[in-house]
Amino acid sequence: MVEEVFQRYGVSVDLWKGSDCYPLRGFVQHTATSARRYVLPEYTSLGKLPRGHYLMLLPLQPGIVPDDTLHYGSKWFLVRRVEKVWFGDEELYCWCLCEEEGEADRWGE
């Protein structure tokens, strides 16, 4: 059922593992995070959002790991953290904290 949601409502995202490309469908959302480890909000001046950090919800296969590369639209992202979402003892999908290519790594400051 979760796969059907990704296929029907998700956007195209390419996972790159070395020279191998795996087309996926998932959800991409800009996020205001200051910590890769704790997902803490970052409070900034009114109307200013920190740049370059995204949350992605993706299927479990083909096994996304930190330092994999994702391509969405015209942007490239480096996977910084991956966690599986469980229902009981069943793995449903994963969420990834990603950093846009070219942005300084400000997580953990």
Protein backbone atom coordinates (compact mmCIF):
# COMPACT_ATOMS: atom_id res chain seq x y z
CA MET A 1 0.00 0.00 0.00
CA VAL A 2 2.83 2.45 0.82
CA GLU A 3 4.43 1.71 -2.56
CA GLU A 4 1.16 2.67 -4.27
CA VAL A 5 1.20 6.06 -2.50
CA PHE A 6 4.78 6.69 -3.66
CA GLN A 7 3.90 5.70 -7.23
CA ARG A 8 0.71 7.71 -7.42
CA TYR A 9 1.64 10.91 -5.56
CA GLY A 10 5.44 10.95 -5.40
CA VAL A 11 7.87 12.86 -7.61
CA SER A 12 10.70 11.36 -9.65
CA VAL A 13 13.98 11.11 -7.74
CA ASP A 14 17.11 9.35 -9.02
CA LEU A 15 19.36 7.54 -6.57
CA TRP A 16 23.01 7.32 -7.66
CA LYS A 17 25.28 4.68 -6.16
CA GLY A 18 28.58 5.19 -7.92
CA SER A 19 27.79 4.98 -11.64
CA ASP A 20 24.52 3.07 -11.12
CA CYS A 21 21.23 5.01 -11.27
CA TYR A 22 18.00 3.82 -9.64
CA PRO A 23 14.84 5.78 -10.53
CA LEU A 24 12.48 6.17 -7.54
CA ARG A 25 9.33 8.03 -6.62
CA GLY A 26 9.11 9.81 -3.30
CA PHE A 27 8.39 13.05 -1.49
CA VAL A 28 10.78 16.00 -1.19
CA GLN A 29 10.40 18.85 1.32
CA HIS A 30 12.69 21.76 2.21
CA THR A 31 13.39 21.76 5.93
CA ALA A 32 14.80 24.14 8.51
CA THR A 33 17.15 21.90 10.46
CA SER A 34 20.30 22.68 12.35
CA ALA A 35 21.19 19.22 13.53
CA ARG A 36 21.66 16.08 11.50
CA ARG A 37 21.36 14.02 14.63
CA TYR A 38 18.38 15.56 16.41
CA VAL A 39 16.33 17.37 13.72
CA LEU A 40 16.13 20.57 15.74
CA PRO A 41 14.42 23.61 14.20
CA GLU A 42 16.62 26.54 13.28
CA TYR A 43 15.10 29.92 14.13
CA THR A 44 16.09 32.70 11.74
CA SER A 45 15.00 36.23 10.89
CA LEU A 46 11.39 36.56 9.80
CA GLY A 47 10.98 35.31 6.23
CA LYS A 48 14.49 33.82 6.03
CA LEU A 49 14.86 30.06 5.61
CA PRO A 50 18.15 28.21 5.91
CA ARG A 51 19.14 26.94 2.47
CA GLY A 52 20.07 23.56 1.21
CA HIS A 53 18.56 21.05 3.65
CA TYR A 54 15.75 18.71 2.58
CA LEU A 55 13.72 15.85 4.00
CA MET A 56 12.91 13.04 1.58
CA LEU A 57 10.52 10.13 2.07
CA LEU A 58 11.53 7.25 -0.19
CA PRO A 59 10.92 3.52 -0.66
CA LEU A 60 13.24 1.09 1.13
CA GLN A 61 14.74 -0.42 -2.00
CA PRO A 62 17.44 -0.20 -3.35
CA GLY A 63 18.81 0.50 0.13
CA ILE A 64 19.71 4.17 0.57
CA VAL A 65 22.67 4.85 2.87
CA PRO A 66 24.47 8.01 4.05
CA ASP A 67 26.72 9.57 1.38
CA ASP A 68 24.54 8.29 -1.49
CA THR A 69 23.64 10.94 -4.07
CA LEU A 70 20.07 11.87 -5.05
CA HIS A 71 18.96 13.92 -8.05
CA TYR A 72 15.62 15.72 -8.07
CA GLY A 73 14.65 18.29 -10.71
CA SER A 74 17.78 20.32 -11.38
CA LYS A 75 19.33 19.74 -7.93
CA TRP A 76 21.77 17.18 -6.54
CA PHE A 77 21.71 16.11 -2.89
CA LEU A 78 24.02 14.22 -0.56
CA VAL A 79 22.26 11.88 1.88
CA ARG A 80 23.36 12.74 5.43
CA ARG A 81 21.05 10.54 7.54
CA VAL A 82 18.65 7.68 6.78
CA GLU A 83 16.07 6.14 9.12
CA LYS A 84 13.50 3.43 8.44
CA VAL A 85 9.87 3.89 9.43
CA TRP A 86 8.29 0.81 10.99
CA PHE A 87 4.75 -0.40 11.61
CA GLY A 88 5.08 -3.12 14.23
CA ASP A 89 7.87 -5.32 12.89
CA GLU A 90 7.33 -4.33 9.23
CA GLU A 91 9.61 -1.80 7.50
CA LEU A 92 7.43 0.61 5.48
CA TYR A 93 9.70 3.30 3.98
CA CYS A 94 12.65 5.48 4.90
CA TRP A 95 13.22 9.16 5.52
CA CYS A 96 16.44 10.90 4.60
CA LEU A 97 17.96 14.19 5.64
CA CYS A 98 19.81 15.52 2.60
CA GLU A 99 22.07 18.45 1.83
CA GLU A 100 21.89 20.26 -1.49
CA GLU A 101 25.09 20.19 -3.52
CA GLY A 102 27.12 23.36 -3.12
CA GLU A 103 25.76 24.25 0.33
CA ALA A 104 28.14 24.34 3.26
CA ASP A 105 27.48 21.65 5.84
CA ARG A 106 25.92 23.65 8.70
CA TRP A 107 24.36 20.67 10.48
CA GLY A 108 25.64 20.24 13.97
CA GLU A 109 26.78 23.86 14.36
